[in-house]
Amino acid sequence: LYFYRNRDRISDWQVVIIYPSRSIEQTDIHPHRSFLNGGQVNRVYLDELGNIRELPLELAVMLLTTVSEQQTPEEARYLLQRNQQETPQPSNQAIIELVTTIITYKIEQLTIQEVEEMLGITLKETRVYQEIKQEAEERERSLILRLLTRRVGELPQEVRSSVENLSLEKLEHL
């Protein structure tokens, strides 16, 4: 769902609703009928946009969400290659982020190494990788603090703060 406006008045707002296909569009529009049919809502159906390889890069990335799981790796590699050729650095990072996010959500059982091999890129600089890494570190830090509390009892806040500020390596050693 995307909102944009032409002018400063609320009556000039436009809404774009993006569907993977017409088949999932809501049919019961009764409570919102006047808004949905009033000219302010535009619907886009990804499966009707055409061939992923013939679309502008930004639209093609959206279409990646609808291709089959078997076709996804090949199309993702193609889009990343196009991105490298068509988009100057550092602007192309946004497309890399989108493609890797789509891959991670579409093919959940893959490891980071498998995704890197599949796409031919290193994910360590991507936002998705950084978020996963940060979440894992927070879990590890929490586990170590719980174990420490279990071993020596409740820690004074000053000590707890000091422990929380240790590097992960020092925390693991502790």
N, C-alpha and C. Protein backbone atom coordinates (compact mmCIF):
# COMPACT_ATOMS: atom_id res chain seq x y z
N LEU A 1 0.86 -1.16 0.00
CA LEU A 1 0.00 0.00 0.00
C LEU A 1 0.90 1.22 0.00
N TYR A 2 0.67 2.15 -0.91
CA TYR A 2 1.53 3.32 -1.03
C TYR A 2 0.65 4.54 -1.18
N PHE A 3 0.92 5.58 -0.40
CA PHE A 3 0.18 6.83 -0.48
C PHE A 3 1.08 7.90 -1.10
N TYR A 4 0.51 8.70 -1.94
CA TYR A 4 1.21 9.88 -2.41
C TYR A 4 0.20 10.97 -2.67
N ARG A 5 0.66 12.20 -2.65
CA ARG A 5 -0.31 13.28 -2.88
C ARG A 5 0.17 14.18 -3.99
N ASN A 6 -0.80 14.74 -4.68
CA ASN A 6 -0.51 15.64 -5.79
C ASN A 6 -0.36 17.08 -5.30
N ARG A 7 -1.13 17.43 -4.30
CA ARG A 7 -1.10 18.79 -3.78
C ARG A 7 -1.15 18.74 -2.26
N ASP A 8 -1.49 19.85 -1.64
CA ASP A 8 -1.54 19.91 -0.19
C ASP A 8 -2.89 19.52 0.40
N ARG A 9 -3.90 19.39 -0.42
CA ARG A 9 -5.23 19.05 0.10
C ARG A 9 -5.38 17.54 0.21
N ILE A 10 -6.06 17.11 1.25
CA ILE A 10 -6.28 15.67 1.47
C ILE A 10 -7.08 15.06 0.32
N SER A 11 -7.92 15.85 -0.32
CA SER A 11 -8.72 15.33 -1.42
C SER A 11 -7.87 14.98 -2.64
N ASP A 12 -6.64 15.45 -2.67
CA ASP A 12 -5.75 15.17 -3.79
C ASP A 12 -4.83 13.98 -3.53
N TRP A 13 -5.01 13.31 -2.40
CA TRP A 13 -4.20 12.13 -2.10
C TRP A 13 -4.56 11.01 -3.05
N GLN A 14 -3.55 10.24 -3.42
CA GLN A 14 -3.73 9.05 -4.25
C GLN A 14 -3.20 7.85 -3.47
N VAL A 15 -3.82 6.72 -3.64
CA VAL A 15 -3.41 5.49 -2.98
C VAL A 15 -3.12 4.45 -4.04
N VAL A 16 -1.99 3.77 -3.90
CA VAL A 16 -1.66 2.66 -4.79
C VAL A 16 -1.68 1.40 -3.94
N ILE A 17 -2.47 0.43 -4.34
CA ILE A 17 -2.52 -0.86 -3.66
C ILE A 17 -1.87 -1.87 -4.60
N ILE A 18 -0.86 -2.57 -4.10
CA ILE A 18 -0.12 -3.53 -4.91
C ILE A 18 -0.52 -4.93 -4.49
N TYR A 19 -1.05 -5.68 -5.43
CA TYR A 19 -1.46 -7.07 -5.20
C TYR A 19 -0.56 -8.00 -6.01
N PRO A 20 -0.25 -9.18 -5.48
CA PRO A 20 0.47 -10.16 -6.31
C PRO A 20 -0.36 -10.57 -7.52
N SER A 21 -1.70 -10.69 -7.33
CA SER A 21 -2.59 -11.05 -8.43
C SER A 21 -4.00 -10.56 -8.10
N ARG A 22 -4.85 -10.52 -9.11
CA ARG A 22 -6.24 -10.09 -8.91
C ARG A 22 -6.99 -11.03 -7.97
N SER A 23 -6.58 -12.29 -7.96
CA SER A 23 -7.32 -13.29 -7.20
C SER A 23 -7.32 -13.03 -5.69
N ILE A 24 -6.39 -12.26 -5.18
CA ILE A 24 -6.39 -12.00 -3.73
C ILE A 24 -6.96 -10.63 -3.37
N GLU A 25 -7.42 -9.89 -4.37
CA GLU A 25 -8.03 -8.60 -4.06
C GLU A 25 -9.31 -8.83 -3.26
N GLN A 26 -9.50 -8.01 -2.25
CA GLN A 26 -10.68 -8.13 -1.40
C GLN A 26 -11.92 -7.86 -2.23
N THR A 27 -12.92 -8.72 -2.08
CA THR A 27 -14.15 -8.55 -2.86
C THR A 27 -15.22 -7.79 -2.08
N ASP A 28 -15.18 -7.86 -0.76
CA ASP A 28 -16.17 -7.16 0.06
C ASP A 28 -15.67 -5.75 0.33
N ILE A 29 -16.01 -4.83 -0.55
CA ILE A 29 -15.55 -3.44 -0.40
C ILE A 29 -16.66 -2.52 0.11
N HIS A 30 -17.78 -3.10 0.50
CA HIS A 30 -18.95 -2.31 0.89
C HIS A 30 -18.64 -1.13 1.81
N PRO A 31 -17.95 -1.34 2.94
CA PRO A 31 -17.76 -0.18 3.83
C PRO A 31 -16.87 0.91 3.23
N HIS A 32 -16.06 0.57 2.25
CA HIS A 32 -15.11 1.53 1.68
C HIS A 32 -15.35 1.78 0.19
N ARG A 33 -16.51 1.39 -0.29
CA ARG A 33 -16.81 1.45 -1.71
C ARG A 33 -16.60 2.84 -2.31
N SER A 34 -17.08 3.88 -1.67
CA SER A 34 -16.97 5.21 -2.26
C SER A 34 -15.50 5.64 -2.37
N PHE A 35 -14.70 5.29 -1.37
CA PHE A 35 -13.27 5.63 -1.43
C PHE A 35 -12.55 4.82 -2.51
N LEU A 36 -12.78 3.50 -2.51
CA LEU A 36 -12.08 2.63 -3.45
C LEU A 36 -12.47 2.89 -4.91
N ASN A 37 -13.70 3.32 -5.14
CA ASN A 37 -14.15 3.56 -6.51
C ASN A 37 -14.19 5.04 -6.86
N GLY A 38 -13.61 5.88 -6.01
CA GLY A 38 -13.69 7.31 -6.21
C GLY A 38 -12.56 7.94 -7.01
N GLY A 39 -11.70 7.15 -7.60
CA GLY A 39 -10.64 7.70 -8.43
C GLY A 39 -9.34 8.00 -7.69
N GLN A 40 -9.33 7.80 -6.38
CA GLN A 40 -8.11 8.05 -5.62
C GLN A 40 -7.30 6.78 -5.39
N VAL A 41 -7.85 5.64 -5.73
CA VAL A 41 -7.18 4.38 -5.50
C VAL A 41 -6.79 3.75 -6.84
N ASN A 42 -5.53 3.43 -6.96
CA ASN A 42 -5.02 2.74 -8.13
C ASN A 42 -4.53 1.37 -7.69
N ARG A 43 -4.91 0.35 -8.43
CA ARG A 43 -4.51 -1.01 -8.11
C ARG A 43 -3.47 -1.48 -9.12
N VAL A 44 -2.44 -2.15 -8.60
CA VAL A 44 -1.41 -2.73 -9.45
C VAL A 44 -1.38 -4.22 -9.16
N TYR A 45 -1.42 -5.03 -10.22
CA TYR A 45 -1.35 -6.48 -10.07
C TYR A 45 -0.02 -6.94 -10.64
N LEU A 46 0.85 -7.40 -9.75
CA LEU A 46 2.22 -7.73 -10.14
C LEU A 46 2.27 -8.79 -11.25
N ASP A 47 1.38 -9.77 -11.18
CA ASP A 47 1.43 -10.83 -12.18
C ASP A 47 0.98 -10.37 -13.57
N GLU A 48 0.50 -9.12 -13.68
CA GLU A 48 0.06 -8.60 -14.97
C GLU A 48 1.04 -7.57 -15.55
N LEU A 49 2.16 -7.35 -14.87
CA LEU A 49 3.11 -6.33 -15.31
C LEU A 49 3.97 -6.78 -16.49
N GLY A 50 4.10 -8.07 -16.68
CA GLY A 50 4.90 -8.57 -17.79
C GLY A 50 6.10 -9.35 -17.30
N ASN A 51 7.05 -9.54 -18.22
CA ASN A 51 8.25 -10.32 -17.96
C ASN A 51 9.18 -9.56 -17.03
N ILE A 52 9.64 -10.23 -15.98
CA ILE A 52 10.52 -9.61 -14.98
C ILE A 52 11.78 -9.03 -15.62
N ARG A 53 12.25 -9.61 -16.70
CA ARG A 53 13.48 -9.16 -17.34
C ARG A 53 13.28 -7.97 -18.28
N GLU A 54 12.04 -7.61 -18.51
CA GLU A 54 11.75 -6.49 -19.41
C GLU A 54 11.24 -5.25 -18.68
N LEU A 55 11.06 -5.37 -17.38
CA LEU A 55 10.53 -4.26 -16.59
C LEU A 55 11.65 -3.38 -16.06
N PRO A 56 11.35 -2.13 -15.71
CA PRO A 56 12.33 -1.31 -15.01
C PRO A 56 12.76 -2.03 -13.74
N LEU A 57 13.99 -1.85 -13.33
CA LEU A 57 14.59 -2.59 -12.23
C LEU A 57 13.74 -2.55 -10.95
N GLU A 58 13.23 -1.36 -10.59
CA GLU A 58 12.47 -1.24 -9.35
C GLU A 58 11.18 -2.07 -9.39
N LEU A 59 10.50 -2.10 -10.53
CA LEU A 59 9.30 -2.93 -10.68
C LEU A 59 9.66 -4.41 -10.71
N ALA A 60 10.75 -4.73 -11.38
CA ALA A 60 11.19 -6.12 -11.46
C ALA A 60 11.48 -6.69 -10.08
N VAL A 61 12.05 -5.87 -9.19
CA VAL A 61 12.34 -6.34 -7.83
C VAL A 61 11.02 -6.65 -7.12
N MET A 62 10.00 -5.82 -7.30
CA MET A 62 8.70 -6.12 -6.69
C MET A 62 8.13 -7.42 -7.25
N LEU A 63 8.31 -7.63 -8.52
CA LEU A 63 7.79 -8.84 -9.16
C LEU A 63 8.51 -10.09 -8.65
N LEU A 64 9.74 -9.94 -8.16
CA LEU A 64 10.49 -11.06 -7.60
C LEU A 64 9.71 -11.74 -6.46
N THR A 65 8.87 -10.98 -5.78
CA THR A 65 8.09 -11.56 -4.68
C THR A 65 7.06 -12.57 -5.17
N THR A 66 6.74 -12.55 -6.46
CA THR A 66 5.67 -13.41 -6.98
C THR A 66 6.17 -14.59 -7.79
N VAL A 67 7.45 -14.64 -8.15
CA VAL A 67 7.92 -15.76 -8.97
C VAL A 67 8.04 -17.02 -8.12
N SER A 68 8.04 -18.16 -8.77
CA SER A 68 8.09 -19.43 -8.04
C SER A 68 9.41 -19.55 -7.28
N GLU A 69 9.40 -20.40 -6.25
CA GLU A 69 10.60 -20.59 -5.43
C GLU A 69 11.75 -21.14 -6.28
N GLN A 70 11.44 -21.99 -7.24
CA GLN A 70 12.48 -22.55 -8.10
C GLN A 70 13.09 -21.48 -9.02
N GLN A 71 12.28 -20.54 -9.44
CA GLN A 71 12.72 -19.50 -10.37
C GLN A 71 13.39 -18.33 -9.64
N THR A 72 13.12 -18.19 -8.36
CA THR A 72 13.60 -17.05 -7.58
C THR A 72 15.11 -16.85 -7.62
N PRO A 73 15.94 -17.89 -7.37
CA PRO A 73 17.39 -17.66 -7.36
C PRO A 73 17.93 -17.11 -8.68
N GLU A 74 17.48 -17.68 -9.78
CA GLU A 74 17.95 -17.23 -11.09
C GLU A 74 17.55 -15.78 -11.36
N GLU A 75 16.30 -15.45 -11.06
CA GLU A 75 15.83 -14.09 -11.29
C GLU A 75 16.50 -13.10 -10.35
N ALA A 76 16.75 -13.53 -9.11
CA ALA A 76 17.44 -12.65 -8.15
C ALA A 76 18.85 -12.35 -8.63
N ARG A 77 19.58 -13.37 -9.09
CA ARG A 77 20.94 -13.15 -9.63
C ARG A 77 20.89 -12.20 -10.83
N TYR A 78 19.91 -12.40 -11.69
CA TYR A 78 19.76 -11.53 -12.86
C TYR A 78 19.53 -10.07 -12.44
N LEU A 79 18.65 -9.87 -11.46
CA LEU A 79 18.35 -8.51 -11.01
C LEU A 79 19.57 -7.85 -10.34
N LEU A 80 20.32 -8.63 -9.58
CA LEU A 80 21.53 -8.08 -8.95
C LEU A 80 22.58 -7.70 -10.01
N GLN A 81 22.68 -8.52 -11.04
CA GLN A 81 23.61 -8.21 -12.14
C GLN A 81 23.17 -6.94 -12.86
N ARG A 82 21.88 -6.83 -13.14
CA ARG A 82 21.34 -5.61 -13.77
C ARG A 82 21.57 -4.40 -12.88
N ASN A 83 21.36 -4.58 -11.60
CA ASN A 83 21.56 -3.51 -10.64
C ASN A 83 22.99 -2.98 -10.70
N GLN A 84 23.94 -3.90 -10.77
CA GLN A 84 25.35 -3.52 -10.82
C GLN A 84 25.65 -2.72 -12.09
N GLN A 85 25.02 -3.10 -13.20
CA GLN A 85 25.26 -2.44 -14.48
C GLN A 85 24.53 -1.10 -14.61
N GLU A 86 23.31 -1.03 -14.07
CA GLU A 86 22.46 0.13 -14.30
C GLU A 86 22.51 1.19 -13.22
N THR A 87 22.85 0.81 -12.00
CA THR A 87 22.73 1.73 -10.88
C THR A 87 24.11 2.05 -10.32
N PRO A 88 24.44 3.35 -10.23
CA PRO A 88 25.75 3.72 -9.68
C PRO A 88 25.84 3.44 -8.18
N GLN A 89 27.04 3.17 -7.72
CA GLN A 89 27.29 3.00 -6.27
C GLN A 89 27.06 4.34 -5.61
N PRO A 90 26.67 4.51 -4.40
CA PRO A 90 26.14 3.54 -3.47
C PRO A 90 24.64 3.34 -3.61
N SER A 91 24.02 3.96 -4.62
CA SER A 91 22.56 3.85 -4.79
C SER A 91 22.11 2.42 -4.99
N ASN A 92 22.96 1.58 -5.57
CA ASN A 92 22.52 0.22 -5.85
C ASN A 92 22.39 -0.64 -4.59
N GLN A 93 22.83 -0.14 -3.44
CA GLN A 93 22.72 -0.89 -2.18
C GLN A 93 21.25 -1.14 -1.82
N ALA A 94 20.38 -0.20 -2.13
CA ALA A 94 18.96 -0.36 -1.81
C ALA A 94 18.37 -1.56 -2.54
N ILE A 95 18.73 -1.74 -3.79
CA ILE A 95 18.23 -2.89 -4.56
C ILE A 95 18.79 -4.18 -3.99
N ILE A 96 20.07 -4.18 -3.63
CA ILE A 96 20.69 -5.37 -3.02
C ILE A 96 19.94 -5.73 -1.74
N GLU A 97 19.64 -4.73 -0.92
CA GLU A 97 18.91 -4.95 0.33
C GLU A 97 17.54 -5.56 0.05
N LEU A 98 16.83 -5.01 -0.91
CA LEU A 98 15.49 -5.53 -1.23
C LEU A 98 15.55 -6.97 -1.73
N VAL A 99 16.46 -7.25 -2.64
CA VAL A 99 16.57 -8.60 -3.20
C VAL A 99 16.93 -9.61 -2.10
N THR A 100 17.90 -9.27 -1.26
CA THR A 100 18.30 -10.20 -0.20
C THR A 100 17.17 -10.39 0.81
N THR A 101 16.44 -9.34 1.11
CA THR A 101 15.30 -9.46 2.03
C THR A 101 14.23 -10.37 1.43
N ILE A 102 13.94 -10.20 0.17
CA ILE A 102 12.94 -11.04 -0.49
C ILE A 102 13.38 -12.50 -0.47
N ILE A 103 14.65 -12.74 -0.79
CA ILE A 103 15.18 -14.11 -0.79
C ILE A 103 15.06 -14.73 0.59
N THR A 104 15.45 -13.98 1.63
CA THR A 104 15.43 -14.55 2.98
C THR A 104 14.02 -14.87 3.44
N TYR A 105 13.05 -14.09 3.03
CA TYR A 105 11.68 -14.38 3.43
C TYR A 105 11.02 -15.45 2.56
N LYS A 106 11.39 -15.49 1.29
CA LYS A 106 10.78 -16.48 0.39
C LYS A 106 11.34 -17.88 0.61
N ILE A 107 12.63 -17.97 0.85
CA ILE A 107 13.27 -19.28 1.00
C ILE A 107 13.90 -19.32 2.38
N GLU A 108 13.07 -19.47 3.38
CA GLU A 108 13.49 -19.34 4.78
C GLU A 108 14.49 -20.38 5.25
N GLN A 109 14.50 -21.56 4.65
CA GLN A 109 15.35 -22.63 5.15
C GLN A 109 16.83 -22.47 4.76
N LEU A 110 17.17 -21.46 3.98
CA LEU A 110 18.56 -21.27 3.55
C LEU A 110 19.42 -20.64 4.63
N THR A 111 20.67 -21.07 4.69
CA THR A 111 21.62 -20.43 5.58
C THR A 111 22.16 -19.18 4.88
N ILE A 112 22.86 -18.35 5.63
CA ILE A 112 23.45 -17.15 5.05
C ILE A 112 24.44 -17.54 3.96
N GLN A 113 25.24 -18.57 4.21
CA GLN A 113 26.21 -19.03 3.21
C GLN A 113 25.51 -19.46 1.94
N GLU A 114 24.40 -20.18 2.07
CA GLU A 114 23.67 -20.64 0.90
C GLU A 114 23.10 -19.46 0.11
N VAL A 115 22.60 -18.46 0.80
CA VAL A 115 22.08 -17.27 0.12
C VAL A 115 23.22 -16.55 -0.60
N GLU A 116 24.37 -16.42 0.06
CA GLU A 116 25.53 -15.77 -0.57
C GLU A 116 25.96 -16.52 -1.83
N GLU A 117 26.03 -17.85 -1.73
CA GLU A 117 26.41 -18.65 -2.90
C GLU A 117 25.36 -18.54 -4.01
N MET A 118 24.10 -18.56 -3.63
CA MET A 118 23.03 -18.48 -4.60
C MET A 118 23.07 -17.17 -5.38
N LEU A 119 23.31 -16.07 -4.66
CA LEU A 119 23.26 -14.75 -5.28
C LEU A 119 24.61 -14.25 -5.77
N GLY A 120 25.68 -14.91 -5.33
CA GLY A 120 27.02 -14.48 -5.73
C GLY A 120 27.44 -13.17 -5.10
N ILE A 121 26.97 -12.91 -3.87
CA ILE A 121 27.33 -11.69 -3.16
C ILE A 121 27.68 -12.00 -1.72
N THR A 122 28.26 -11.03 -1.03
CA THR A 122 28.53 -11.15 0.40
C THR A 122 27.47 -10.36 1.14
N LEU A 123 26.82 -11.01 2.08
CA LEU A 123 25.70 -10.38 2.78
C LEU A 123 26.13 -9.59 4.02
N LYS A 124 27.37 -9.70 4.42
CA LYS A 124 27.80 -9.09 5.68
C LYS A 124 27.55 -7.59 5.75
N GLU A 125 27.50 -6.93 4.62
CA GLU A 125 27.27 -5.48 4.63
C GLU A 125 25.79 -5.12 4.55
N THR A 126 24.93 -6.11 4.36
CA THR A 126 23.52 -5.79 4.19
C THR A 126 22.84 -5.57 5.53
N ARG A 127 21.76 -4.84 5.51
CA ARG A 127 20.98 -4.54 6.71
C ARG A 127 20.40 -5.81 7.31
N VAL A 128 19.94 -6.72 6.45
CA VAL A 128 19.35 -7.97 6.94
C VAL A 128 20.38 -8.75 7.76
N TYR A 129 21.58 -8.87 7.24
CA TYR A 129 22.64 -9.61 7.95
C TYR A 129 22.95 -8.92 9.27
N GLN A 130 23.09 -7.60 9.24
CA GLN A 130 23.41 -6.86 10.46
C GLN A 130 22.33 -7.04 11.52
N GLU A 131 21.06 -7.03 11.10
CA GLU A 131 19.96 -7.22 12.04
C GLU A 131 19.98 -8.62 12.64
N ILE A 132 20.22 -9.62 11.81
CA ILE A 132 20.29 -11.00 12.29
C ILE A 132 21.45 -11.15 13.26
N LYS A 133 22.59 -10.58 12.91
CA LYS A 133 23.77 -10.66 13.77
C LYS A 133 23.50 -9.98 15.11
N GLN A 134 22.91 -8.80 15.06
CA GLN A 134 22.62 -8.06 16.30
C GLN A 134 21.64 -8.83 17.18
N GLU A 135 20.62 -9.42 16.56
CA GLU A 135 19.65 -10.20 17.32
C GLU A 135 20.33 -11.41 17.98
N ALA A 136 21.20 -12.08 17.26
CA ALA A 136 21.92 -13.24 17.83
C ALA A 136 22.81 -12.81 18.99
N GLU A 137 23.49 -11.68 18.83
CA GLU A 137 24.35 -11.19 19.90
C GLU A 137 23.53 -10.82 21.14
N GLU A 138 22.37 -10.22 20.95
CA GLU A 138 21.50 -9.86 22.08
C GLU A 138 21.02 -11.11 22.81
N ARG A 139 20.67 -12.14 22.05
CA ARG A 139 20.25 -13.40 22.68
C ARG A 139 21.39 -14.02 23.48
N GLU A 140 22.58 -14.01 22.89
CA GLU A 140 23.75 -14.59 23.57
C GLU A 140 24.07 -13.80 24.84
N ARG A 141 24.01 -12.49 24.73
CA ARG A 141 24.28 -11.62 25.89
C ARG A 141 23.25 -11.90 27.00
N SER A 142 22.00 -12.04 26.63
CA SER A 142 20.93 -12.31 27.59
C SER A 142 21.14 -13.67 28.25
N LEU A 143 21.50 -14.67 27.46
CA LEU A 143 21.74 -16.01 28.00
C LEU A 143 22.90 -15.99 29.00
N ILE A 144 23.98 -15.33 28.64
CA ILE A 144 25.15 -15.26 29.54
C ILE A 144 24.78 -14.55 30.83
N LEU A 145 24.02 -13.47 30.76
CA LEU A 145 23.60 -12.77 31.97
C LEU A 145 22.70 -13.64 32.85
N ARG A 146 21.81 -14.42 32.24
CA ARG A 146 20.96 -15.32 33.03
C ARG A 146 21.79 -16.40 33.71
N LEU A 147 22.75 -16.96 32.97
CA LEU A 147 23.62 -17.98 33.56
C LEU A 147 24.44 -17.41 34.71
N LEU A 148 24.95 -16.21 34.51
CA LEU A 148 25.75 -15.56 35.54
C LEU A 148 24.89 -15.30 36.79
N THR A 149 23.67 -14.84 36.60
CA THR A 149 22.76 -14.58 37.71
C THR A 149 22.43 -15.88 38.45
N ARG A 150 22.23 -16.94 37.69
CA ARG A 150 21.94 -18.23 38.30
C ARG A 150 23.14 -18.73 39.13
N ARG A 151 24.34 -18.45 38.64
CA ARG A 151 25.56 -18.94 39.28
C ARG A 151 25.92 -18.15 40.54
N VAL A 152 25.80 -16.79 40.49
CA VAL A 152 26.26 -15.96 41.62
C VAL A 152 25.13 -15.20 42.30
N GLY A 153 23.93 -15.31 41.79
CA GLY A 153 22.81 -14.57 42.39
C GLY A 153 22.57 -13.26 41.65
N GLU A 154 21.57 -12.54 42.11
CA GLU A 154 21.19 -11.27 41.47
C GLU A 154 22.36 -10.29 41.50
N LEU A 155 22.64 -9.69 40.36
CA LEU A 155 23.76 -8.75 40.25
C LEU A 155 23.29 -7.34 40.58
N PRO A 156 24.13 -6.56 41.31
CA PRO A 156 23.80 -5.15 41.51
C PRO A 156 23.74 -4.45 40.13
N GLN A 157 22.91 -3.42 40.01
CA GLN A 157 22.72 -2.74 38.72
C GLN A 157 24.02 -2.23 38.14
N GLU A 158 24.92 -1.72 38.98
CA GLU A 158 26.20 -1.20 38.50
C GLU A 158 27.03 -2.32 37.85
N VAL A 159 27.05 -3.48 38.50
CA VAL A 159 27.80 -4.63 37.97
C VAL A 159 27.12 -5.13 36.69
N ARG A 160 25.79 -5.21 36.72
CA ARG A 160 25.04 -5.67 35.54
C ARG A 160 25.31 -4.76 34.34
N SER A 161 25.32 -3.46 34.56
CA SER A 161 25.61 -2.51 33.47
C SER A 161 27.01 -2.72 32.92
N SER A 162 27.97 -2.93 33.81
CA SER A 162 29.35 -3.17 33.37
C SER A 162 29.44 -4.44 32.54
N VAL A 163 28.75 -5.49 32.99
CA VAL A 163 28.76 -6.76 32.26
C VAL A 163 28.09 -6.59 30.89
N GLU A 164 26.97 -5.88 30.86
CA GLU A 164 26.26 -5.67 29.59
C GLU A 164 27.10 -4.89 28.58
N ASN A 165 28.01 -4.06 29.07
CA ASN A 165 28.84 -3.26 28.17
C ASN A 165 30.11 -3.96 27.71
N LEU A 166 30.35 -5.18 28.19
CA LEU A 166 31.52 -5.92 27.74
C LEU A 166 31.35 -6.33 26.28
N SER A 167 32.47 -6.48 25.60
CA SER A 167 32.41 -6.99 24.23
C SER A 167 31.91 -8.42 24.30
N LEU A 168 31.37 -8.91 23.19
CA LEU A 168 30.84 -10.26 23.15
C LEU A 168 31.93 -11.28 23.47
N GLU A 169 33.13 -11.04 22.98
CA GLU A 169 34.26 -11.94 23.25
C GLU A 169 34.56 -12.01 24.74
N LYS A 170 34.62 -10.88 25.41
CA LYS A 170 34.90 -10.85 26.86
C LYS A 170 33.75 -11.45 27.64
N LEU A 171 32.54 -11.21 27.17
CA LEU A 171 31.36 -11.76 27.83
C LEU A 171 31.37 -13.30 27.74
N GLU A 172 31.72 -13.83 26.59
CA GLU A 172 31.81 -15.28 26.43
C GLU A 172 32.88 -15.86 27.33
N HIS A 173 34.01 -15.17 27.45
CA HIS A 173 35.11 -15.61 28.32
C HIS A 173 34.64 -15.64 29.77
N LEU A 174 33.89 -14.62 30.14
CA LEU A 174 33.36 -14.53 31.51
C LEU A 174 32.46 -15.73 31.79
